[in-house]
Amino acid sequence: MSIRVSIRKRLSRHFSLETDFDSDAACLGILGASGCGKSMTLKCIAGIESPDAGHIAVNGRVLFDSRRKINLKAQERRVGYLFQNYALFPRMTVLENITVALSLPKQEKLKKARSWLNRFGLTDLEDRYPRQLSGGQQQRTALARMLIQDPECILLDEPFSALDTHLREQMQVQLLTMLGSRHDVIMVTHSRDEAYRLCDTLVVMDRGRVLTKGATKVLFQHPPSVPVARITGCKNISPIQRTGPQTLYALDWGLSLHVSVPIEDSITHVGIRAHDFTPLWQAPEPGRCNQVRIALTRRSEEPFEQVLLFTNGDAKSPREQGELWWKYSKYQFQDIPPWLGIPQEGLLLLRS
């Protein structure tokens, strides 16, 4: 899939959408917090909303161009849109929902619909109404209704937000399989786990703007800025003072850190992901970098993990008492180690 989006849309006195990105990825994710403009971007691509200005093209076909006065109707765009709540018609059966927009003779319509019912495991449910379906069955019905139109591009707006945890994970595994070879997908999500699992390329948005775009795994491993690090789940971020070509002082934690690459002048912060600490059971050599003595402030337990919040036990001033997060498997060990190591390769060098 090739997509080019460069649009502007004023939504209120205090918020404007200014989205600009292009991609050739088979599955493109748009990641950001609620209210950042992700869903509105998707609606502009689908033709549900119209931008004030800009350009949208899919596989070289122009869907919207304010200069050339092009604004194709939603029905003409060959774009399939899966709403967050699936938007099934409550007084129509599964079969009627799937065929509602098909312009074919009756027998041909039924034959095509039953092919999709069989593909999505809905054959025994064709006479049921949406209220009689589970969340997963409703999603499969909505997907079948969308795909039966043979869209050129598939838009998924928070496709798993209405599902419980078990079903959400199950449907994530099944989704791309159900789509078969139709992997021309743009998915909006606020879940970094969904984005990482499903999307080849990621657009990260905040407050109506695109912060960055790139290969998903690369952006998680090397976020370029503080906002991107936060959106991708980094809990520990501190402003820094450079102390050498590859050394820095984390001002919020009172820690001297050595990094694996030269520190560019534009770097203002350092990040440590909560899973990247390593336990140290014996006191390390005095003066060594990349170690911190735990002064526990809070502790909580998740189903499979322990979460520790702590400060640097050797901090010399209140300014250096910023809390750090450490997450680790609850089955790893019972006692809390007195020290933690911080691997150089786990340090994130960030711009403001």
Protein backbone atom coordinates (compact mmCIF):
# COMPACT_ATOMS: atom_id res chain seq x y z
CA MET A 1 0.00 0.00 0.00
CA SER A 2 1.14 3.50 -0.80
CA ILE A 3 -0.52 6.34 1.11
CA ARG A 4 0.17 10.07 1.23
CA VAL A 5 -1.63 12.26 3.74
CA SER A 6 -1.00 15.98 4.21
CA ILE A 7 -4.05 17.71 5.69
CA ARG A 8 -5.16 20.54 7.95
CA LYS A 9 -8.45 20.74 9.81
CA ARG A 10 -9.41 23.19 12.55
CA LEU A 11 -11.53 21.41 15.15
CA SER A 12 -11.87 24.15 17.78
CA ARG A 13 -10.38 27.46 18.84
CA HIS A 14 -7.65 25.59 20.70
CA PHE A 15 -7.07 22.49 18.55
CA SER A 16 -6.10 22.03 14.92
CA LEU A 17 -5.17 18.83 13.13
CA GLU A 18 -2.06 19.14 10.96
CA THR A 19 -1.17 15.64 9.81
CA ASP A 20 1.59 14.96 7.32
CA PHE A 21 2.96 11.49 6.54
CA ASP A 22 3.45 8.97 3.76
CA SER A 23 4.03 5.22 3.87
CA ASP A 24 4.43 2.10 1.76
CA ALA A 25 3.91 -0.27 4.72
CA ALA A 26 1.48 -3.16 4.49
CA CYS A 27 0.19 -2.39 7.99
CA LEU A 28 0.63 1.19 9.18
CA GLY A 29 -0.15 2.11 12.79
CA ILE A 30 -1.09 5.56 14.11
CA LEU A 31 -0.23 5.66 17.82
CA GLY A 32 -1.08 8.39 20.29
CA ALA A 33 -3.08 9.32 23.37
CA SER A 34 -6.84 9.86 23.29
CA GLY A 35 -7.77 13.18 21.69
CA CYS A 36 -4.54 13.61 19.69
CA GLY A 37 -6.29 13.48 16.30
CA LYS A 38 -5.77 9.83 15.30
CA SER A 39 -9.40 8.95 14.62
CA MET A 40 -10.07 12.26 12.87
CA THR A 41 -7.16 11.51 10.53
CA LEU A 42 -8.74 8.14 9.73
CA LYS A 43 -12.16 9.73 9.13
CA CYS A 44 -10.62 12.24 6.71
CA ILE A 45 -9.02 9.38 4.75
CA ALA A 46 -12.36 7.53 4.68
CA GLY A 47 -14.33 10.59 3.54
CA ILE A 48 -16.47 10.72 6.69
CA GLU A 49 -14.92 14.11 7.47
CA SER A 50 -13.45 16.68 5.07
CA PRO A 51 -10.16 18.49 5.80
CA ASP A 52 -10.01 22.26 5.43
CA ALA A 53 -7.00 21.90 3.14
CA GLY A 54 -4.47 19.38 1.92
CA HIS A 55 -4.06 16.20 -0.07
CA ILE A 56 -4.87 12.49 0.42
CA ALA A 57 -3.88 9.75 -2.04
CA VAL A 58 -3.98 5.93 -1.77
CA ASN A 59 -1.95 3.84 -4.23
CA GLY A 60 -1.58 6.92 -6.42
CA ARG A 61 -5.34 7.56 -6.59
CA VAL A 62 -6.28 11.02 -5.27
CA LEU A 63 -9.11 10.96 -2.74
CA PHE A 64 -8.89 14.58 -1.64
CA ASP A 65 -7.08 17.61 -2.99
CA SER A 66 -8.20 21.06 -1.88
CA ARG A 67 -6.28 22.85 -4.66
CA ARG A 68 -7.80 20.73 -7.44
CA LYS A 69 -11.26 20.71 -5.81
CA ILE A 70 -11.22 16.90 -5.51
CA ASN A 71 -13.19 15.37 -2.63
CA LEU A 72 -14.47 11.88 -3.46
CA LYS A 73 -17.54 10.68 -1.60
CA ALA A 74 -16.96 7.94 0.97
CA GLN A 75 -18.69 5.40 -1.30
CA GLU A 76 -16.28 6.22 -4.14
CA ARG A 77 -13.04 5.89 -2.18
CA ARG A 78 -12.88 2.07 -2.00
CA VAL A 79 -11.85 2.41 1.63
CA GLY A 80 -13.19 0.05 4.29
CA TYR A 81 -13.71 1.57 7.75
CA LEU A 82 -14.15 -0.44 10.95
CA PHE A 83 -15.64 1.78 13.68
CA GLN A 84 -14.67 1.42 17.34
CA ASN A 85 -18.16 0.18 18.26
CA TYR A 86 -18.55 -1.71 14.93
CA ALA A 87 -21.72 0.31 14.03
CA LEU A 88 -23.84 -2.76 13.20
CA PHE A 89 -27.50 -2.08 12.43
CA PRO A 90 -29.36 -3.38 15.53
CA ARG A 91 -32.55 -4.36 13.66
CA MET A 92 -30.73 -6.31 10.96
CA THR A 93 -29.48 -9.87 11.21
CA VAL A 94 -25.85 -10.80 10.66
CA LEU A 95 -26.62 -11.72 7.05
CA GLU A 96 -28.54 -8.49 6.44
CA ASN A 97 -25.74 -6.40 7.98
CA ILE A 98 -23.17 -8.01 5.72
CA THR A 99 -25.20 -7.55 2.53
CA VAL A 100 -26.74 -4.15 3.26
CA ALA A 101 -24.48 -2.21 0.87
CA LEU A 102 -24.13 -4.83 -1.86
CA SER A 103 -25.62 -3.90 -5.23
CA LEU A 104 -26.01 -7.39 -6.72
CA PRO A 105 -28.88 -9.71 -7.73
CA LYS A 106 -30.29 -11.51 -4.68
CA GLN A 107 -28.83 -14.98 -5.33
CA GLU A 108 -25.42 -13.58 -6.20
CA LYS A 109 -25.54 -11.43 -3.08
CA LEU A 110 -26.38 -14.42 -0.85
CA LYS A 111 -23.67 -16.56 -2.40
CA LYS A 112 -21.03 -13.93 -1.82
CA ALA A 113 -22.25 -13.21 1.72
CA ARG A 114 -22.21 -16.86 2.75
CA SER A 115 -18.66 -17.18 1.49
CA TRP A 116 -17.62 -14.44 3.92
CA LEU A 117 -19.77 -15.91 6.71
CA ASN A 118 -17.93 -19.19 6.31
CA ARG A 119 -14.53 -17.46 6.22
CA PHE A 120 -15.18 -15.68 9.52
CA GLY A 121 -16.90 -18.60 11.28
CA LEU A 122 -20.32 -16.92 11.28
CA THR A 123 -22.32 -19.47 9.26
CA ASP A 124 -24.46 -20.59 12.22
CA LEU A 125 -25.11 -16.99 13.28
CA GLU A 126 -26.50 -15.45 10.09
CA ASP A 127 -30.03 -15.07 11.51
CA ARG A 128 -28.95 -13.55 14.82
CA TYR A 129 -29.15 -9.86 15.69
CA PRO A 130 -26.16 -7.85 16.99
CA ARG A 131 -27.50 -7.92 20.57
CA GLN A 132 -27.31 -11.73 20.44
CA LEU A 133 -23.62 -11.75 19.51
CA SER A 134 -20.47 -11.67 21.62
CA GLY A 135 -17.96 -8.85 21.17
CA GLY A 136 -15.75 -11.03 18.98
CA GLN A 137 -18.71 -12.12 16.83
CA GLN A 138 -19.78 -8.50 16.37
CA GLN A 139 -16.25 -7.58 15.28
CA ARG A 140 -16.11 -10.43 12.77
CA THR A 141 -19.50 -9.40 11.38
CA ALA A 142 -18.31 -5.81 10.97
CA LEU A 143 -15.09 -7.02 9.29
CA ALA A 144 -17.07 -9.23 6.88
CA ARG A 145 -19.41 -6.32 6.03
CA MET A 146 -16.38 -4.17 5.29
CA LEU A 147 -14.36 -6.70 3.29
CA ILE A 148 -17.25 -7.91 1.15
CA GLN A 149 -17.04 -4.51 -0.59
CA ASP A 150 -13.48 -5.36 -1.74
CA PRO A 151 -11.88 -2.17 -0.37
CA GLU A 152 -8.51 -1.02 -1.64
CA CYS A 153 -7.46 0.08 1.84
CA ILE A 154 -8.70 -1.02 5.28
CA LEU A 155 -9.00 1.47 8.16
CA LEU A 156 -9.26 0.10 11.71
CA ASP A 157 -10.26 2.60 14.41
CA GLU A 158 -9.27 1.18 17.83
CA PRO A 159 -10.47 -2.26 16.67
CA PHE A 160 -9.93 -4.01 20.02
CA SER A 161 -11.00 -1.33 22.51
CA ALA A 162 -14.49 -2.81 23.04
CA LEU A 163 -13.20 -6.33 23.79
CA ASP A 164 -12.22 -7.84 27.14
CA THR A 165 -8.55 -8.66 27.74
CA HIS A 166 -8.70 -12.35 26.79
CA LEU A 167 -10.71 -11.75 23.63
CA ARG A 168 -8.60 -8.72 22.70
CA GLU A 169 -5.39 -10.75 22.67
CA GLN A 170 -7.09 -13.61 20.82
CA MET A 171 -8.47 -11.29 18.13
CA GLN A 172 -5.11 -9.54 17.69
CA VAL A 173 -3.55 -12.89 16.84
CA GLN A 174 -6.40 -13.76 14.46
CA LEU A 175 -6.89 -10.40 12.74
CA LEU A 176 -4.20 -10.47 10.08
CA THR A 177 -4.96 -14.14 9.40
CA MET A 178 -8.64 -13.28 8.84
CA LEU A 179 -7.69 -10.50 6.49
CA GLY A 180 -5.73 -13.05 4.47
CA SER A 181 -3.56 -11.44 1.82
CA ARG A 182 -5.40 -8.11 2.27
CA HIS A 183 -2.78 -6.46 4.44
CA ASP A 184 -3.26 -2.88 3.18
CA VAL A 185 -4.23 -1.69 6.64
CA ILE A 186 -4.06 1.55 8.61
CA MET A 187 -4.79 1.00 12.30
CA VAL A 188 -5.39 3.68 14.90
CA THR A 189 -4.57 2.70 18.48
CA HIS A 190 -3.54 4.15 21.83
CA SER A 191 -2.10 0.76 22.85
CA ARG A 192 1.64 0.47 22.33
CA ASP A 193 1.33 -3.34 22.66
CA GLU A 194 -1.14 -3.52 19.74
CA ALA A 195 1.02 -1.21 17.65
CA TYR A 196 4.17 -3.22 18.33
CA ARG A 197 2.50 -6.57 17.66
CA LEU A 198 0.60 -5.70 14.49
CA CYS A 199 2.15 -2.74 12.67
CA ASP A 200 5.20 -2.71 10.39
CA THR A 201 5.49 1.07 10.43
CA LEU A 202 4.32 3.58 13.00
CA VAL A 203 3.19 7.21 12.91
CA VAL A 204 3.32 8.74 16.40
CA MET A 205 0.95 11.65 17.01
CA ASP A 206 0.47 14.18 19.79
CA ARG A 207 -1.87 17.19 19.95
CA GLY A 208 -2.83 17.03 16.29
CA ARG A 209 0.74 16.77 14.97
CA VAL A 210 2.93 13.93 13.73
CA LEU A 211 5.92 13.64 16.05
CA THR A 212 7.76 11.00 14.05
CA LYS A 213 7.35 8.06 11.67
CA GLY A 214 9.43 4.94 11.17
CA ALA A 215 9.78 1.18 11.50
CA THR A 216 7.86 0.17 14.63
CA LYS A 217 10.58 -1.85 16.36
CA VAL A 218 13.20 0.84 15.63
CA LEU A 219 11.02 3.57 17.16
CA PHE A 220 10.52 1.50 20.32
CA GLN A 221 14.24 0.74 20.60
CA HIS A 222 15.39 4.27 19.74
CA PRO A 223 12.66 6.88 20.28
CA PRO A 224 14.03 10.23 19.08
CA SER A 225 12.39 12.52 21.65
CA VAL A 226 10.86 12.74 25.11
CA PRO A 227 7.22 12.77 23.86
CA VAL A 228 7.79 9.71 21.64
CA ALA A 229 9.51 7.85 24.50
CA ARG A 230 6.54 8.57 26.78
CA ILE A 231 3.96 7.51 24.18
CA THR A 232 5.86 4.25 23.59
CA GLY A 233 5.76 3.54 27.33
CA CYS A 234 9.03 4.78 28.86
CA LYS A 235 8.44 5.44 32.59
CA ASN A 236 11.84 6.85 33.55
CA ILE A 237 12.98 10.11 31.91
CA SER A 238 15.35 12.72 33.34
CA PRO A 239 17.02 15.88 32.04
CA ILE A 240 20.79 15.53 31.77
CA GLN A 241 24.09 17.33 32.04
CA ARG A 242 26.78 16.08 29.68
CA THR A 243 30.00 15.20 31.49
CA GLY A 244 31.98 13.69 28.62
CA PRO A 245 31.69 12.40 25.05
CA GLN A 246 29.86 9.28 26.27
CA THR A 247 29.00 10.14 29.88
CA LEU A 248 26.18 12.14 31.43
CA TYR A 249 24.63 13.04 34.76
CA ALA A 250 20.88 12.38 35.20
CA LEU A 251 19.75 15.44 37.15
CA ASP A 252 16.48 14.03 38.52
CA TRP A 253 18.11 10.86 39.86
CA GLY A 254 21.65 11.91 40.81
CA LEU A 255 23.15 9.19 38.62
CA SER A 256 26.32 9.15 36.53
CA LEU A 257 25.71 7.11 33.39
CA HIS A 258 27.95 5.85 30.61
CA VAL A 259 26.31 5.36 27.21
CA SER A 260 27.36 3.21 24.26
CA VAL A 261 27.46 5.99 21.63
CA PRO A 262 28.70 9.61 21.54
CA ILE A 263 26.17 12.08 22.97
CA GLU A 264 25.08 14.64 20.39
CA ASP A 265 24.67 18.29 21.35
CA SER A 266 20.90 18.10 20.76
CA ILE A 267 20.38 15.43 23.46
CA THR A 268 18.63 16.91 26.52
CA HIS A 269 17.22 13.85 28.37
CA VAL A 270 17.94 10.22 29.12
CA GLY A 271 15.35 7.45 29.40
CA ILE A 272 15.39 4.00 30.99
CA ARG A 273 12.60 1.54 30.28
CA ALA A 274 11.17 -0.03 33.42
CA HIS A 275 12.15 -3.57 32.36
CA ASP A 276 15.78 -2.74 31.55
CA PHE A 277 17.34 -2.74 35.01
CA THR A 278 19.38 -5.75 36.17
CA PRO A 279 19.55 -6.86 39.83
CA LEU A 280 22.87 -6.55 41.70
CA TRP A 281 23.09 -8.53 44.92
CA GLN A 282 26.51 -7.25 46.01
CA ALA A 283 27.65 -3.67 46.34
CA PRO A 284 29.48 -2.62 43.16
CA GLU A 285 32.82 -0.87 43.16
CA PRO A 286 32.61 2.73 44.44
CA GLY A 287 32.46 5.40 41.75
CA ARG A 288 31.28 3.13 38.96
CA CYS A 289 28.67 4.43 36.54
CA ASN A 290 25.36 2.76 35.65
CA GLN A 291 24.39 1.54 39.09
CA VAL A 292 21.83 2.73 41.62
CA ARG A 293 21.16 1.80 45.23
CA ILE A 294 17.45 1.18 45.81
CA ALA A 295 15.61 3.38 48.32
CA LEU A 296 12.12 1.86 48.05
CA THR A 297 9.17 4.29 48.04
CA ARG A 298 6.29 2.12 46.79
CA ARG A 299 5.67 -1.45 45.73
CA SER A 300 2.71 -3.00 43.90
CA GLU A 301 1.91 -6.37 42.41
CA GLU A 302 0.45 -7.07 38.99
CA PRO A 303 -0.78 -10.52 37.90
CA PHE A 304 2.64 -11.57 36.62
CA GLU A 305 4.96 -8.72 37.57
CA GLN A 306 6.24 -6.77 40.52
CA VAL A 307 6.40 -2.98 40.21
CA LEU A 308 8.89 -1.10 42.36
CA LEU A 309 9.10 2.67 42.64
CA PHE A 310 12.33 3.83 44.21
CA THR A 311 14.79 6.68 44.41
CA ASN A 312 18.57 6.75 44.35
CA GLY A 313 19.66 5.78 47.87
CA ASP A 314 22.89 7.74 47.42
CA ALA A 315 21.29 10.95 46.12
CA LYS A 316 22.85 14.03 47.70
CA SER A 317 20.06 16.60 47.30
CA PRO A 318 16.24 16.79 47.15
CA ARG A 319 16.57 17.69 43.44
CA GLU A 320 17.93 14.17 42.84
CA GLN A 321 15.05 12.31 44.53
CA GLY A 322 13.07 11.63 41.35
CA GLU A 323 11.28 8.26 41.42
CA LEU A 324 12.27 5.44 39.08
CA TRP A 325 10.12 2.49 37.99
CA TRP A 326 11.36 -1.10 37.85
CA LYS A 327 9.19 -3.93 36.52
CA TYR A 328 10.23 -7.57 36.70
CA SER A 329 8.70 -11.05 36.73
CA LYS A 330 7.18 -11.90 40.13
CA TYR A 331 8.55 -15.43 39.71
CA GLN A 332 12.13 -14.23 39.19
CA PHE A 333 13.04 -13.76 42.87
CA GLN A 334 11.36 -12.91 46.17
CA ASP A 335 13.78 -10.51 47.86
CA ILE A 336 14.53 -7.04 46.55
CA PRO A 337 18.18 -6.61 45.52
CA PRO A 338 20.00 -3.71 47.19
CA TRP A 339 21.37 -2.41 43.89
CA LEU A 340 20.36 -2.27 40.23
CA GLY A 341 22.57 -2.13 37.16
CA ILE A 342 21.66 -0.06 34.12
CA PRO A 343 22.96 -1.56 30.84
CA GLN A 344 24.46 0.98 28.46
CA GLU A 345 22.49 -0.40 25.50
CA GLY A 346 19.24 0.16 27.41
CA LEU A 347 19.74 3.92 27.82
CA LEU A 348 17.62 6.13 25.55
CA LEU A 349 19.18 9.41 24.42
CA LEU A 350 16.35 11.87 23.85
CA ARG A 351 15.69 15.35 22.54
CA SER A 352 13.12 17.64 24.17
